[in-house]
Amino acid sequence: MAVLQVVVNKHNEVLGTLVVDAPAKGRGAPERFGAVAGPGQRVVQITVDDSMLGLQPDALHAAIKAEHLG
């Protein structure tokens, strides 16, 4: 299972995702990171099956909207 932060707009359209439990890589990488919502947006945290991480962005966003945002 993977934990995602999902940025959505006021119409529950997915604008972007971030895998929360991915390890930071590289010299000087931050220990913590997270998604930030802009005006009229919000961040929701969801848990998805690892198989969803292999989807293309459009398919992933559609699956998240259907399964998690109603």
Protein backbone atom coordinates (compact mmCIF):
# COMPACT_ATOMS: atom_id res chain seq x y z
CA MET A 1 0.00 0.00 0.00
CA ALA A 2 1.18 3.51 -0.76
CA VAL A 3 0.23 6.78 0.90
CA LEU A 4 -0.44 9.67 -1.47
CA GLN A 5 -1.09 13.32 -0.91
CA VAL A 6 -3.50 14.53 -3.57
CA VAL A 7 -4.03 18.16 -4.53
CA VAL A 8 -7.62 18.77 -5.65
CA ASN A 9 -9.53 21.85 -6.69
CA LYS A 10 -13.00 22.94 -5.53
CA HIS A 11 -14.58 20.61 -8.13
CA ASN A 12 -12.69 17.56 -6.74
CA GLU A 13 -10.54 17.39 -9.87
CA VAL A 14 -7.11 15.93 -9.15
CA LEU A 15 -4.37 18.42 -9.95
CA GLY A 16 -1.39 16.39 -8.75
CA THR A 17 -0.14 13.66 -6.47
CA LEU A 18 2.85 13.03 -4.24
CA VAL A 19 3.96 9.67 -2.83
CA VAL A 20 4.41 10.44 0.86
CA ASP A 21 6.33 7.36 1.90
CA ALA A 22 8.90 7.54 -0.91
CA PRO A 23 12.44 7.86 0.42
CA ALA A 24 14.20 11.16 -0.20
CA LYS A 25 17.17 10.63 -2.51
CA GLY A 26 20.34 12.54 -3.20
CA ARG A 27 22.72 14.69 -1.28
CA GLY A 28 20.95 17.43 0.62
CA ALA A 29 17.50 15.87 0.08
CA PRO A 30 14.96 16.97 2.69
CA GLU A 31 13.94 14.52 5.38
CA ARG A 32 10.31 15.57 5.04
CA PHE A 33 8.32 16.92 2.16
CA GLY A 34 4.68 17.41 1.30
CA ALA A 35 2.19 18.83 -1.14
CA VAL A 36 0.99 22.41 -0.76
CA ALA A 37 -2.45 23.62 -1.84
CA GLY A 38 -2.93 26.93 -3.60
CA PRO A 39 -5.97 29.21 -3.45
CA GLY A 40 -9.18 27.22 -3.98
CA GLN A 41 -7.36 23.91 -3.55
CA ARG A 42 -6.92 21.38 -0.77
CA VAL A 43 -4.65 18.45 -0.01
CA VAL A 44 -6.12 15.07 0.94
CA GLN A 45 -4.13 12.06 2.05
CA ILE A 46 -5.20 8.63 0.80
CA THR A 47 -3.89 5.07 0.78
CA VAL A 48 -3.85 3.20 -2.53
CA ASP A 49 -2.75 -0.20 -3.73
CA ASP A 50 0.83 -0.22 -5.03
CA SER A 51 -0.44 -1.29 -8.45
CA MET A 52 -1.99 2.17 -8.89
CA LEU A 53 1.47 3.75 -8.84
CA GLY A 54 2.19 2.26 -12.27
CA LEU A 55 -0.75 4.04 -13.91
CA GLN A 56 -0.29 6.96 -16.28
CA PRO A 57 -1.21 10.29 -14.63
CA ASP A 58 -4.61 10.65 -16.33
CA ALA A 59 -5.61 7.10 -15.37
CA LEU A 60 -4.31 7.55 -11.81
CA HIS A 61 -6.21 10.80 -11.38
CA ALA A 62 -9.42 9.23 -12.72
CA ALA A 63 -9.05 6.22 -10.38
CA ILE A 64 -8.41 8.47 -7.37
CA LYS A 65 -11.46 10.60 -8.18
CA ALA A 66 -13.69 7.53 -8.63
CA GLU A 67 -12.47 5.57 -5.62
CA HIS A 68 -11.58 8.24 -3.05
CA LEU A 69 -13.26 11.53 -3.85
CA GLY A 70 -16.77 10.37 -4.72
